[in-house]
Amino acid sequence: MKAAMFRGYVPAFLLALVLSIVWGSIVQSQYNLAALASIGADVGSVRLQVTLRDIFSGFFPTYGGYIVLPALAVAFIAVALLEPRLPHAARIPLYAIAGGLAILLAIPLVNALSPVALLVGATREWSCAVWMAAGGVVSSVLYALLAPVRVRHVSAPAVLVHTPDRPG
């Protein structure tokens, strides 16, 4: 593949990746803080600080590296392979479904394979995993809007040229 072909795909992928990771970091932070609040901890004064810490250090590299990056990479490659065979109108919905489903499937898979009890502890509740997968949906729509469209290269039909018979 030529380097020029990657120009549109890589920035689109990186933006989608960051959006999904930030979304997931915020979701898991809020679920964890809600769990602490439910047992009587006062989290109101630290809510923003904890959320920002999760986004910029704590959860971002773990969630991004183990779940989001591989999940979205597989989802986007799968859709890119199908894209030339499908109508253009299916592009955005297909990316959205693939991205959300990839995150939704990757979370329990990575949790099961993780040496710690749960890599994403907040996903003990399925609603948290669904909200994190919603980040995959939104980021996949962003990717579909920004990445170049792959089109099928169809050979031009043969053209018959009629030449009058020459006497002769």
Protein backbone atom coordinates (compact mmCIF):
# COMPACT_ATOMS: atom_id res chain seq x y z
CA MET A 1 0.00 0.00 0.00
CA LYS A 2 1.24 3.43 -0.82
CA ALA A 3 2.03 5.82 2.01
CA ALA A 4 -0.37 8.36 0.51
CA MET A 5 -3.27 5.98 1.09
CA PHE A 6 -2.67 6.13 4.84
CA ARG A 7 -2.92 9.92 5.03
CA GLY A 8 -6.66 9.99 5.58
CA TYR A 9 -7.00 6.73 7.48
CA VAL A 10 -4.41 7.26 10.20
CA PRO A 11 -5.61 10.68 11.44
CA ALA A 12 -9.22 9.47 11.33
CA PHE A 13 -8.29 6.35 13.29
CA LEU A 14 -6.31 8.31 15.89
CA LEU A 15 -9.17 10.76 16.45
CA ALA A 16 -11.68 7.92 16.76
CA LEU A 17 -9.33 6.11 19.13
CA VAL A 18 -8.89 9.12 21.41
CA LEU A 19 -12.62 9.87 21.42
CA SER A 20 -13.51 6.30 22.37
CA ILE A 21 -10.85 6.09 25.08
CA VAL A 22 -11.82 9.43 26.64
CA TRP A 23 -15.50 8.44 26.50
CA GLY A 24 -14.78 5.09 28.17
CA SER A 25 -12.54 6.70 30.79
CA ILE A 26 -15.28 9.14 31.75
CA VAL A 27 -17.90 6.37 31.89
CA GLN A 28 -15.86 4.05 34.10
CA SER A 29 -14.81 6.93 36.37
CA GLN A 30 -18.42 7.93 36.94
CA TYR A 31 -19.51 4.32 37.55
CA ASN A 32 -16.71 3.79 40.08
CA LEU A 33 -17.49 7.08 41.82
CA ALA A 34 -21.19 6.20 41.92
CA ALA A 35 -20.31 2.86 43.54
CA LEU A 36 -18.26 4.66 46.19
CA ALA A 37 -21.05 7.17 46.77
CA SER A 38 -23.55 4.32 47.19
CA ILE A 39 -21.61 3.09 50.24
CA GLY A 40 -21.50 6.56 51.77
CA ALA A 41 -18.24 8.02 50.46
CA ASP A 42 -18.30 11.73 49.70
CA VAL A 43 -17.04 11.93 46.10
CA GLY A 44 -18.49 15.28 45.11
CA SER A 45 -15.32 17.23 45.82
CA VAL A 46 -13.04 14.85 43.90
CA ARG A 47 -15.28 13.88 40.97
CA LEU A 48 -13.64 16.19 38.41
CA GLN A 49 -10.12 15.50 39.69
CA VAL A 50 -10.59 11.71 39.53
CA THR A 51 -12.17 11.90 36.08
CA LEU A 52 -9.32 14.02 34.70
CA ARG A 53 -6.73 11.74 36.29
CA ASP A 54 -8.36 8.71 34.66
CA ILE A 55 -8.45 10.45 31.29
CA PHE A 56 -4.89 11.74 31.31
CA SER A 57 -3.04 8.96 33.05
CA GLY A 58 -4.65 6.15 34.97
CA PHE A 59 -7.21 4.44 32.79
CA PHE A 60 -6.42 5.91 29.37
CA PRO A 61 -3.40 3.74 28.41
CA THR A 62 -4.84 0.54 29.87
CA TYR A 63 -8.27 0.83 28.29
CA GLY A 64 -6.84 2.23 25.08
CA GLY A 65 -4.07 -0.30 24.61
CA TYR A 66 -5.82 -3.47 25.70
CA ILE A 67 -9.38 -2.88 24.57
CA VAL A 68 -10.08 0.07 22.28
CA LEU A 69 -7.11 0.00 19.91
CA PRO A 70 -7.33 -3.70 18.99
CA ALA A 71 -11.15 -3.72 18.96
CA LEU A 72 -11.51 -0.71 16.67
CA ALA A 73 -8.63 -1.85 14.45
CA VAL A 74 -10.32 -5.21 13.84
CA ALA A 75 -13.73 -3.59 13.37
CA PHE A 76 -12.48 -0.96 10.92
CA ILE A 77 -10.45 -3.46 8.88
CA ALA A 78 -13.46 -5.79 8.65
CA VAL A 79 -15.71 -2.97 7.46
CA ALA A 80 -13.05 -1.69 5.04
CA LEU A 81 -12.93 -5.12 3.42
CA LEU A 82 -16.73 -5.18 3.05
CA GLU A 83 -17.15 -1.54 2.12
CA PRO A 84 -16.47 -1.78 -1.64
CA ARG A 85 -19.18 -4.44 -1.97
CA LEU A 86 -21.89 -2.50 -0.15
CA PRO A 87 -23.99 0.53 -1.02
CA HIS A 88 -22.52 3.84 0.10
CA ALA A 89 -25.52 4.46 2.39
CA ALA A 90 -24.50 1.45 4.51
CA ARG A 91 -21.06 2.89 5.32
CA ILE A 92 -21.77 4.94 8.46
CA PRO A 93 -24.24 2.48 10.03
CA LEU A 94 -21.88 -0.42 9.35
CA TYR A 95 -18.93 1.35 10.98
CA ALA A 96 -21.13 2.35 13.95
CA ILE A 97 -22.38 -1.20 14.52
CA ALA A 98 -18.91 -2.71 14.08
CA GLY A 99 -17.25 -0.25 16.46
CA GLY A 100 -19.86 -0.59 19.19
CA LEU A 101 -19.99 -4.36 18.92
CA ALA A 102 -16.19 -4.61 18.92
CA ILE A 103 -15.92 -2.67 22.19
CA LEU A 104 -18.83 -4.57 23.72
CA LEU A 105 -17.17 -7.91 22.90
CA ALA A 106 -13.62 -6.83 23.74
CA ILE A 107 -14.40 -5.73 27.31
CA PRO A 108 -15.49 -9.14 28.67
CA LEU A 109 -12.85 -10.91 26.57
CA VAL A 110 -10.02 -8.81 28.00
CA ASN A 111 -11.52 -9.02 31.49
CA ALA A 112 -11.51 -12.83 31.20
CA LEU A 113 -7.92 -12.93 29.92
CA SER A 114 -6.58 -10.35 32.37
CA PRO A 115 -4.37 -11.59 35.21
CA VAL A 116 -6.14 -9.21 37.60
CA ALA A 117 -9.71 -9.85 38.69
CA LEU A 118 -11.15 -7.40 36.17
CA LEU A 119 -9.25 -5.00 33.94
CA VAL A 120 -12.32 -2.77 33.75
CA GLY A 121 -13.92 -3.22 37.15
CA ALA A 122 -16.83 -0.91 36.46
CA THR A 123 -18.04 -3.33 33.77
CA ARG A 124 -19.30 -5.69 36.47
CA GLU A 125 -22.51 -3.88 35.55
CA TRP A 126 -23.53 -4.48 31.95
CA SER A 127 -24.91 -0.96 31.71
CA CYS A 128 -21.36 0.36 32.09
CA ALA A 129 -20.11 -1.88 29.27
CA VAL A 130 -23.00 -0.71 27.09
CA TRP A 131 -22.18 2.95 27.78
CA MET A 132 -18.53 2.27 26.97
CA ALA A 133 -19.61 0.55 23.74
CA ALA A 134 -21.65 3.66 22.93
CA GLY A 135 -18.31 5.46 22.82
CA GLY A 136 -17.25 2.91 20.22
CA VAL A 137 -20.36 3.72 18.19
CA VAL A 138 -19.78 7.48 18.31
CA SER A 139 -16.07 7.20 17.54
CA SER A 140 -16.77 4.84 14.65
CA VAL A 141 -19.20 7.32 13.13
CA LEU A 142 -16.47 9.95 13.43
CA TYR A 143 -14.05 7.59 11.67
CA ALA A 144 -16.56 6.88 8.90
CA LEU A 145 -17.06 10.60 8.34
CA LEU A 146 -13.34 11.41 8.25
CA ALA A 147 -11.71 8.40 6.58
CA PRO A 148 -11.60 8.19 2.79
CA VAL A 149 -14.33 6.11 1.18
CA ARG A 150 -13.17 2.84 -0.33
CA VAL A 151 -14.87 2.25 -3.64
CA ARG A 152 -14.98 -0.73 -5.88
CA HIS A 153 -12.91 -0.33 -9.00
CA VAL A 154 -15.12 -1.61 -11.74
CA SER A 155 -13.66 -2.08 -15.17
CA ALA A 156 -15.33 -0.03 -17.83
CA PRO A 157 -17.62 -2.10 -20.02
CA ALA A 158 -16.36 -3.04 -23.39
CA VAL A 159 -17.46 -0.63 -26.05
CA LEU A 160 -18.44 -1.94 -29.42
CA VAL A 161 -17.52 0.34 -32.24
CA HIS A 162 -19.36 -0.16 -35.47
CA THR A 163 -17.43 0.57 -38.59
CA PRO A 164 -19.21 0.41 -41.87
CA ASP A 165 -18.08 -2.29 -44.24
CA ARG A 166 -15.68 -0.95 -46.77
CA PRO A 167 -16.16 -2.05 -50.27
CA GLY A 168 -13.38 -3.80 -51.46
